[in-house]
Amino acid sequence: MDGFLPVAIMLVLGMVFAAAGAFLPGLLATKRPTRAKEAPYECGIVPSHEPAERFPVRFYLIAMIFIIFDIEIIFLYPWAVIFDRLDVFGLVEMVIFALAVVVSFGYLLSNGALDWGPAKANRSVAPAAVAEGRTSRSTVRKVSRGDRAA
């Protein structure tokens, strides 16, 4: 039991430091909010206007695909190193894991995660219904010269 005492002390100290790091700043910090402090920080550049369109969600789908395959490689390398000691059990487990990765990749492909072409023309929601819910905070509508009132 003497061998576990240092481990228990380190666990307790780790929890104390994590809790202190999470709660003490909220208790000790001054609370004087200003408009500048509540504004989003964009690398020192003050935004002069809203972005013309939202950031595409497809970027995040590509990032998730990368993470899926990155995790597969991380698990595949140690498995390959000790493959001869795992026998059939190790092979079956890796086949199940690879199958889960392939199924998730197929799901992403079926939902158009890698389709970077133009958006499909037919929409299920009428444009008028979409325009009613828009606000200046959610989107910025581009207006061409022909649409402006004279």
N, C-alpha and C. Protein backbone atom coordinates (compact mmCIF):
# COMPACT_ATOMS: atom_id res chain seq x y z
N MET A 1 0.82 -1.19 0.00
CA MET A 1 0.00 0.00 0.00
C MET A 1 0.86 1.25 0.00
N ASP A 2 2.11 1.15 0.49
CA ASP A 2 3.00 2.31 0.55
C ASP A 2 3.33 2.83 -0.85
N GLY A 3 3.31 1.97 -1.84
CA GLY A 3 3.63 2.40 -3.20
C GLY A 3 2.55 3.28 -3.82
N PHE A 4 1.32 3.16 -3.33
CA PHE A 4 0.22 3.95 -3.90
C PHE A 4 0.05 5.31 -3.23
N LEU A 5 0.69 5.54 -2.13
CA LEU A 5 0.55 6.81 -1.41
C LEU A 5 1.02 7.99 -2.26
N PRO A 6 2.18 7.94 -2.93
CA PRO A 6 2.56 9.07 -3.79
C PRO A 6 1.59 9.30 -4.95
N VAL A 7 1.04 8.22 -5.50
CA VAL A 7 0.07 8.35 -6.59
C VAL A 7 -1.20 9.02 -6.09
N ALA A 8 -1.66 8.62 -4.90
CA ALA A 8 -2.86 9.23 -4.33
C ALA A 8 -2.63 10.71 -4.02
N ILE A 9 -1.45 11.03 -3.50
CA ILE A 9 -1.14 12.44 -3.22
C ILE A 9 -1.12 13.25 -4.50
N MET A 10 -0.53 12.72 -5.57
CA MET A 10 -0.50 13.44 -6.85
C MET A 10 -1.90 13.61 -7.42
N LEU A 11 -2.75 12.60 -7.29
CA LEU A 11 -4.13 12.74 -7.76
C LEU A 11 -4.87 13.83 -7.00
N VAL A 12 -4.71 13.86 -5.69
CA VAL A 12 -5.38 14.89 -4.88
C VAL A 12 -4.84 16.27 -5.24
N LEU A 13 -3.51 16.40 -5.36
CA LEU A 13 -2.93 17.69 -5.74
C LEU A 13 -3.39 18.13 -7.12
N GLY A 14 -3.47 17.19 -8.06
CA GLY A 14 -3.96 17.52 -9.40
C GLY A 14 -5.38 18.03 -9.37
N MET A 15 -6.24 17.38 -8.57
CA MET A 15 -7.63 17.81 -8.47
C MET A 15 -7.73 19.19 -7.80
N VAL A 16 -6.90 19.41 -6.77
CA VAL A 16 -6.92 20.71 -6.08
C VAL A 16 -6.48 21.82 -7.04
N PHE A 17 -5.39 21.60 -7.79
CA PHE A 17 -4.94 22.62 -8.74
C PHE A 17 -5.94 22.84 -9.87
N ALA A 18 -6.58 21.79 -10.35
CA ALA A 18 -7.59 21.95 -11.40
C ALA A 18 -8.79 22.74 -10.89
N ALA A 19 -9.24 22.41 -9.69
CA ALA A 19 -10.38 23.14 -9.12
C ALA A 19 -10.01 24.58 -8.83
N ALA A 20 -8.81 24.81 -8.32
CA ALA A 20 -8.38 26.18 -8.05
C ALA A 20 -8.26 26.98 -9.34
N GLY A 21 -7.73 26.36 -10.38
CA GLY A 21 -7.60 27.05 -11.66
C GLY A 21 -8.94 27.35 -12.31
N ALA A 22 -9.95 26.55 -12.00
CA ALA A 22 -11.27 26.76 -12.59
C ALA A 22 -12.10 27.77 -11.81
N PHE A 23 -12.01 27.76 -10.48
CA PHE A 23 -12.92 28.58 -9.67
C PHE A 23 -12.31 29.88 -9.15
N LEU A 24 -11.03 29.90 -8.86
CA LEU A 24 -10.44 31.11 -8.29
C LEU A 24 -10.47 32.33 -9.21
N PRO A 25 -10.22 32.21 -10.51
CA PRO A 25 -10.31 33.40 -11.35
C PRO A 25 -11.70 34.05 -11.31
N GLY A 26 -12.74 33.26 -11.24
CA GLY A 26 -14.09 33.82 -11.16
C GLY A 26 -14.35 34.53 -9.85
N LEU A 27 -13.72 34.06 -8.79
CA LEU A 27 -13.90 34.68 -7.48
C LEU A 27 -13.03 35.92 -7.29
N LEU A 28 -11.82 35.90 -7.81
CA LEU A 28 -10.87 36.97 -7.56
C LEU A 28 -10.88 38.08 -8.61
N ALA A 29 -11.39 37.81 -9.79
CA ALA A 29 -11.34 38.80 -10.87
C ALA A 29 -12.28 39.96 -10.59
N THR A 30 -11.86 41.15 -11.04
CA THR A 30 -12.75 42.31 -10.92
C THR A 30 -13.83 42.19 -11.98
N LYS A 31 -15.00 42.66 -11.63
CA LYS A 31 -16.14 42.54 -12.54
C LYS A 31 -16.58 43.93 -12.97
N ARG A 32 -15.85 44.50 -13.91
CA ARG A 32 -16.19 45.80 -14.49
C ARG A 32 -16.29 45.64 -16.00
N PRO A 33 -17.41 45.10 -16.49
CA PRO A 33 -17.52 44.88 -17.93
C PRO A 33 -17.64 46.21 -18.69
N THR A 34 -16.95 46.28 -19.79
CA THR A 34 -17.07 47.42 -20.70
C THR A 34 -17.40 46.87 -22.08
N ARG A 35 -17.73 47.77 -22.97
CA ARG A 35 -18.09 47.35 -24.32
C ARG A 35 -16.87 46.72 -25.01
N ALA A 36 -15.70 47.28 -24.76
CA ALA A 36 -14.48 46.74 -25.38
C ALA A 36 -14.14 45.36 -24.84
N LYS A 37 -14.38 45.14 -23.55
CA LYS A 37 -14.06 43.84 -22.96
C LYS A 37 -15.02 42.76 -23.43
N GLU A 38 -16.24 43.11 -23.73
CA GLU A 38 -17.23 42.12 -24.15
C GLU A 38 -17.21 41.87 -25.65
N ALA A 39 -16.48 42.67 -26.40
CA ALA A 39 -16.40 42.49 -27.85
C ALA A 39 -15.51 41.29 -28.16
N PRO A 40 -15.79 40.59 -29.25
CA PRO A 40 -14.93 39.46 -29.62
C PRO A 40 -13.56 39.95 -30.05
N TYR A 41 -12.53 39.23 -29.65
CA TYR A 41 -11.16 39.60 -30.00
C TYR A 41 -10.78 38.91 -31.28
N GLU A 42 -10.43 39.67 -32.29
CA GLU A 42 -10.07 39.14 -33.59
C GLU A 42 -8.64 39.55 -33.94
N CYS A 43 -7.68 39.12 -33.18
CA CYS A 43 -6.27 39.37 -33.45
C CYS A 43 -5.95 40.86 -33.53
N GLY A 44 -6.66 41.67 -32.80
CA GLY A 44 -6.40 43.10 -32.79
C GLY A 44 -7.07 43.87 -33.89
N ILE A 45 -7.72 43.18 -34.82
CA ILE A 45 -8.37 43.86 -35.94
C ILE A 45 -9.83 44.11 -35.56
N VAL A 46 -10.23 45.36 -35.58
CA VAL A 46 -11.61 45.70 -35.27
C VAL A 46 -12.45 45.47 -36.51
N PRO A 47 -13.48 44.61 -36.44
CA PRO A 47 -14.30 44.36 -37.62
C PRO A 47 -15.11 45.60 -37.99
N SER A 48 -15.05 45.98 -39.25
CA SER A 48 -15.79 47.17 -39.70
C SER A 48 -17.18 46.83 -40.22
N HIS A 49 -17.40 45.56 -40.61
CA HIS A 49 -18.71 45.15 -41.12
C HIS A 49 -18.90 43.66 -40.88
N GLU A 50 -20.13 43.23 -40.99
CA GLU A 50 -20.46 41.81 -40.84
C GLU A 50 -19.91 41.04 -42.04
N PRO A 51 -19.56 39.77 -41.87
CA PRO A 51 -19.13 38.98 -43.03
C PRO A 51 -20.27 38.79 -44.01
N ALA A 52 -19.92 38.65 -45.28
CA ALA A 52 -20.94 38.55 -46.32
C ALA A 52 -21.72 37.25 -46.23
N GLU A 53 -21.10 36.19 -45.79
CA GLU A 53 -21.81 34.92 -45.67
C GLU A 53 -21.23 34.13 -44.51
N ARG A 54 -21.95 33.14 -44.11
CA ARG A 54 -21.50 32.31 -43.00
C ARG A 54 -20.35 31.41 -43.43
N PHE A 55 -19.56 31.00 -42.46
CA PHE A 55 -18.45 30.09 -42.75
C PHE A 55 -19.03 28.73 -43.10
N PRO A 56 -18.55 28.09 -44.16
CA PRO A 56 -19.15 26.82 -44.58
C PRO A 56 -18.96 25.70 -43.56
N VAL A 57 -20.02 24.96 -43.32
CA VAL A 57 -19.98 23.84 -42.37
C VAL A 57 -19.15 22.70 -42.95
N ARG A 58 -19.01 22.64 -44.23
CA ARG A 58 -18.24 21.57 -44.87
C ARG A 58 -16.79 21.56 -44.39
N PHE A 59 -16.27 22.71 -44.04
CA PHE A 59 -14.90 22.76 -43.50
C PHE A 59 -14.81 21.91 -42.24
N TYR A 60 -15.80 22.00 -41.37
CA TYR A 60 -15.79 21.23 -40.14
C TYR A 60 -15.97 19.74 -40.42
N LEU A 61 -16.74 19.41 -41.45
CA LEU A 61 -16.89 18.00 -41.81
C LEU A 61 -15.56 17.42 -42.28
N ILE A 62 -14.81 18.20 -43.06
CA ILE A 62 -13.50 17.74 -43.50
C ILE A 62 -12.57 17.57 -42.30
N ALA A 63 -12.65 18.49 -41.35
CA ALA A 63 -11.83 18.38 -40.14
C ALA A 63 -12.19 17.12 -39.35
N MET A 64 -13.49 16.80 -39.27
CA MET A 64 -13.90 15.59 -38.56
C MET A 64 -13.41 14.34 -39.28
N ILE A 65 -13.43 14.35 -40.62
CA ILE A 65 -12.92 13.20 -41.36
C ILE A 65 -11.43 13.03 -41.07
N PHE A 66 -10.70 14.13 -41.04
CA PHE A 66 -9.28 14.06 -40.72
C PHE A 66 -9.07 13.46 -39.33
N ILE A 67 -9.85 13.89 -38.36
CA ILE A 67 -9.71 13.39 -37.00
C ILE A 67 -10.03 11.90 -36.94
N ILE A 68 -11.06 11.47 -37.67
CA ILE A 68 -11.41 10.04 -37.68
C ILE A 68 -10.24 9.21 -38.18
N PHE A 69 -9.64 9.62 -39.30
CA PHE A 69 -8.54 8.84 -39.84
C PHE A 69 -7.27 9.00 -39.01
N ASP A 70 -7.09 10.15 -38.40
CA ASP A 70 -5.95 10.34 -37.52
C ASP A 70 -6.03 9.40 -36.32
N ILE A 71 -7.20 9.28 -35.73
CA ILE A 71 -7.39 8.37 -34.60
C ILE A 71 -7.20 6.92 -35.05
N GLU A 72 -7.65 6.61 -36.25
CA GLU A 72 -7.45 5.24 -36.74
C GLU A 72 -5.97 4.92 -36.88
N ILE A 73 -5.19 5.85 -37.38
CA ILE A 73 -3.75 5.62 -37.52
C ILE A 73 -3.10 5.48 -36.14
N ILE A 74 -3.54 6.31 -35.19
CA ILE A 74 -2.97 6.24 -33.84
C ILE A 74 -3.21 4.87 -33.23
N PHE A 75 -4.39 4.28 -33.45
CA PHE A 75 -4.67 2.95 -32.91
C PHE A 75 -4.08 1.83 -33.76
N LEU A 76 -3.91 2.08 -35.05
CA LEU A 76 -3.42 1.04 -35.95
C LEU A 76 -1.92 0.77 -35.76
N TYR A 77 -1.15 1.78 -35.47
CA TYR A 77 0.30 1.60 -35.34
C TYR A 77 0.68 0.67 -34.18
N PRO A 78 0.20 0.91 -32.94
CA PRO A 78 0.57 -0.04 -31.87
C PRO A 78 0.04 -1.44 -32.11
N TRP A 79 -1.13 -1.55 -32.75
CA TRP A 79 -1.68 -2.86 -33.06
C TRP A 79 -0.76 -3.60 -34.02
N ALA A 80 -0.23 -2.89 -35.01
CA ALA A 80 0.66 -3.53 -35.99
C ALA A 80 1.97 -3.97 -35.34
N VAL A 81 2.42 -3.24 -34.32
CA VAL A 81 3.68 -3.58 -33.67
C VAL A 81 3.57 -4.90 -32.91
N ILE A 82 2.42 -5.15 -32.26
CA ILE A 82 2.27 -6.38 -31.47
C ILE A 82 1.25 -7.34 -32.09
N PHE A 83 1.07 -7.27 -33.39
CA PHE A 83 0.07 -8.09 -34.07
C PHE A 83 0.32 -9.57 -33.87
N ASP A 84 1.57 -10.02 -33.88
CA ASP A 84 1.86 -11.45 -33.77
C ASP A 84 1.51 -12.02 -32.41
N ARG A 85 1.40 -11.17 -31.38
CA ARG A 85 1.06 -11.65 -30.04
C ARG A 85 -0.45 -11.60 -29.77
N LEU A 86 -1.20 -10.96 -30.63
CA LEU A 86 -2.64 -10.79 -30.38
C LEU A 86 -3.48 -11.94 -30.94
N ASP A 87 -2.96 -12.67 -31.86
CA ASP A 87 -3.66 -13.80 -32.49
C ASP A 87 -4.94 -13.34 -33.17
N VAL A 88 -5.94 -14.22 -33.16
CA VAL A 88 -7.19 -13.94 -33.86
C VAL A 88 -8.01 -12.86 -33.16
N PHE A 89 -7.94 -12.79 -31.85
CA PHE A 89 -8.69 -11.79 -31.11
C PHE A 89 -8.31 -10.38 -31.55
N GLY A 90 -7.01 -10.12 -31.68
CA GLY A 90 -6.54 -8.80 -32.12
C GLY A 90 -6.99 -8.48 -33.53
N LEU A 91 -6.98 -9.48 -34.39
CA LEU A 91 -7.42 -9.27 -35.77
C LEU A 91 -8.91 -8.93 -35.81
N VAL A 92 -9.73 -9.66 -35.07
CA VAL A 92 -11.17 -9.42 -35.05
C VAL A 92 -11.46 -8.02 -34.49
N GLU A 93 -10.78 -7.65 -33.41
CA GLU A 93 -11.00 -6.33 -32.83
C GLU A 93 -10.63 -5.22 -33.81
N MET A 94 -9.54 -5.37 -34.55
CA MET A 94 -9.13 -4.33 -35.50
C MET A 94 -10.08 -4.29 -36.70
N VAL A 95 -10.59 -5.43 -37.10
CA VAL A 95 -11.57 -5.44 -38.19
C VAL A 95 -12.84 -4.71 -37.76
N ILE A 96 -13.29 -4.93 -36.54
CA ILE A 96 -14.47 -4.23 -36.03
C ILE A 96 -14.21 -2.72 -35.97
N PHE A 97 -13.04 -2.33 -35.49
CA PHE A 97 -12.69 -0.91 -35.41
C PHE A 97 -12.62 -0.29 -36.80
N ALA A 98 -11.95 -0.97 -37.74
CA ALA A 98 -11.84 -0.45 -39.10
C ALA A 98 -13.21 -0.38 -39.76
N LEU A 99 -14.08 -1.34 -39.47
CA LEU A 99 -15.43 -1.31 -40.01
C LEU A 99 -16.21 -0.10 -39.49
N ALA A 100 -16.05 0.21 -38.21
CA ALA A 100 -16.71 1.39 -37.64
C ALA A 100 -16.21 2.67 -38.32
N VAL A 101 -14.92 2.72 -38.61
CA VAL A 101 -14.37 3.90 -39.27
C VAL A 101 -14.89 4.00 -40.71
N VAL A 102 -14.93 2.89 -41.41
CA VAL A 102 -15.41 2.90 -42.80
C VAL A 102 -16.89 3.26 -42.86
N VAL A 103 -17.68 2.75 -41.92
CA VAL A 103 -19.11 3.08 -41.90
C VAL A 103 -19.31 4.56 -41.62
N SER A 104 -18.54 5.13 -40.68
CA SER A 104 -18.68 6.56 -40.40
C SER A 104 -18.23 7.39 -41.59
N PHE A 105 -17.18 6.97 -42.28
CA PHE A 105 -16.73 7.68 -43.48
C PHE A 105 -17.78 7.59 -44.58
N GLY A 106 -18.39 6.42 -44.74
CA GLY A 106 -19.47 6.27 -45.72
C GLY A 106 -20.65 7.16 -45.41
N TYR A 107 -20.98 7.30 -44.12
CA TYR A 107 -22.07 8.19 -43.71
C TYR A 107 -21.75 9.64 -44.08
N LEU A 108 -20.52 10.05 -43.81
CA LEU A 108 -20.14 11.42 -44.16
C LEU A 108 -20.18 11.63 -45.67
N LEU A 109 -19.72 10.65 -46.44
CA LEU A 109 -19.77 10.78 -47.89
C LEU A 109 -21.20 10.83 -48.41
N SER A 110 -22.08 10.02 -47.81
CA SER A 110 -23.48 10.02 -48.27
C SER A 110 -24.18 11.33 -47.95
N ASN A 111 -23.72 12.04 -46.92
CA ASN A 111 -24.30 13.34 -46.59
C ASN A 111 -23.63 14.48 -47.33
N GLY A 112 -22.70 14.18 -48.23
CA GLY A 112 -22.09 15.21 -49.05
C GLY A 112 -20.96 15.96 -48.37
N ALA A 113 -20.21 15.29 -47.52
CA ALA A 113 -19.13 15.98 -46.81
C ALA A 113 -18.01 16.42 -47.75
N LEU A 114 -17.81 15.70 -48.84
CA LEU A 114 -16.75 16.06 -49.77
C LEU A 114 -17.25 16.73 -51.04
N ASP A 115 -18.52 17.09 -51.10
CA ASP A 115 -19.07 17.79 -52.26
C ASP A 115 -18.80 19.28 -52.11
N TRP A 116 -17.83 19.78 -52.84
CA TRP A 116 -17.47 21.19 -52.72
C TRP A 116 -18.03 22.02 -53.88
N GLY A 117 -18.87 21.42 -54.70
CA GLY A 117 -19.44 22.14 -55.83
C GLY A 117 -20.49 23.14 -55.38
N PRO A 118 -21.14 23.77 -56.35
CA PRO A 118 -22.18 24.74 -55.99
C PRO A 118 -23.35 24.06 -55.31
N ALA A 119 -24.08 24.82 -54.51
CA ALA A 119 -25.22 24.29 -53.78
C ALA A 119 -26.31 23.86 -54.76
N LYS A 120 -27.09 22.89 -54.35
CA LYS A 120 -28.16 22.40 -55.21
C LYS A 120 -29.23 23.49 -55.36
N ALA A 121 -29.82 23.57 -56.56
CA ALA A 121 -30.76 24.64 -56.86
C ALA A 121 -32.11 24.43 -56.18
N ASN A 122 -32.55 23.18 -56.05
CA ASN A 122 -33.86 22.96 -55.46
C ASN A 122 -33.76 22.92 -53.95
N ARG A 123 -34.54 23.78 -53.31
CA ARG A 123 -34.56 23.85 -51.85
C ARG A 123 -35.94 23.42 -51.38
N SER A 124 -35.98 22.81 -50.22
CA SER A 124 -37.26 22.36 -49.70
C SER A 124 -38.02 23.50 -49.03
N VAL A 125 -37.33 24.57 -48.63
CA VAL A 125 -37.97 25.70 -47.98
C VAL A 125 -38.03 26.85 -48.96
N ALA A 126 -39.17 27.48 -49.03
CA ALA A 126 -39.33 28.62 -49.93
C ALA A 126 -38.46 29.77 -49.46
N PRO A 127 -37.84 30.54 -50.39
CA PRO A 127 -36.98 31.64 -49.99
C PRO A 127 -37.69 32.69 -49.14
N ALA A 128 -38.99 32.91 -49.36
CA ALA A 128 -39.72 33.91 -48.57
C ALA A 128 -39.81 33.49 -47.11
N ALA A 129 -39.98 32.19 -46.88
CA ALA A 129 -40.07 31.71 -45.50
C ALA A 129 -38.72 31.84 -44.79
N VAL A 130 -37.64 31.67 -45.54
CA VAL A 130 -36.32 31.80 -44.95
C VAL A 130 -36.05 33.27 -44.64
N ALA A 131 -36.47 34.16 -45.53
CA ALA A 131 -36.17 35.58 -45.35
C ALA A 131 -36.88 36.17 -44.13
N GLU A 132 -38.03 35.62 -43.74
CA GLU A 132 -38.75 36.16 -42.60
C GLU A 132 -37.97 36.01 -41.31
N GLY A 133 -37.24 34.92 -41.15
CA GLY A 133 -36.52 34.66 -39.92
C GLY A 133 -35.16 35.32 -39.86
N ARG A 134 -34.75 35.97 -40.93
CA ARG A 134 -33.43 36.58 -40.95
C ARG A 134 -33.41 37.88 -40.17
N THR A 135 -32.31 38.10 -39.53
CA THR A 135 -32.09 39.37 -38.84
C THR A 135 -30.72 39.88 -39.23
N SER A 136 -30.42 41.09 -38.84
CA SER A 136 -29.11 41.63 -39.18
C SER A 136 -28.01 40.91 -38.43
N ARG A 137 -28.36 40.26 -37.32
CA ARG A 137 -27.35 39.51 -36.56
C ARG A 137 -27.08 38.15 -37.19
N SER A 138 -28.08 37.53 -37.82
CA SER A 138 -27.88 36.18 -38.33
C SER A 138 -27.25 36.16 -39.72
N THR A 139 -27.67 37.05 -40.59
CA THR A 139 -27.10 37.07 -41.94
C THR A 139 -27.07 38.51 -42.45
N VAL A 140 -26.24 38.72 -43.41
CA VAL A 140 -26.21 40.00 -44.09
C VAL A 140 -26.64 39.72 -45.52
N ARG A 141 -27.69 40.34 -45.95
CA ARG A 141 -28.23 40.11 -47.28
C ARG A 141 -27.54 41.02 -48.27
N LYS A 142 -26.98 40.43 -49.30
CA LYS A 142 -26.34 41.23 -50.35
C LYS A 142 -27.44 41.77 -51.26
N VAL A 143 -27.35 43.03 -51.57
CA VAL A 143 -28.35 43.67 -52.43
C VAL A 143 -27.61 44.19 -53.65
N SER A 144 -28.03 43.72 -54.81
CA SER A 144 -27.41 44.21 -56.05
C SER A 144 -28.02 45.55 -56.41
N ARG A 145 -27.45 46.23 -57.35
CA ARG A 145 -27.94 47.55 -57.75
C ARG A 145 -29.35 47.49 -58.34
N GLY A 146 -29.70 46.38 -58.96
CA GLY A 146 -31.02 46.26 -59.56
C GLY A 146 -32.12 46.10 -58.53
N ASP A 147 -31.80 45.60 -57.33
CA ASP A 147 -32.81 45.37 -56.29
C ASP A 147 -33.09 46.60 -55.45
N ARG A 148 -32.28 47.62 -55.53
CA ARG A 148 -32.46 48.81 -54.70
C ARG A 148 -33.65 49.63 -55.18
N ALA A 149 -34.32 50.23 -54.23
CA ALA A 149 -35.44 51.10 -54.58
C ALA A 149 -34.90 52.40 -55.13
N ALA A 150 -35.55 52.91 -56.15
CA ALA A 150 -35.10 54.14 -56.80
C ALA A 150 -35.54 55.37 -56.08
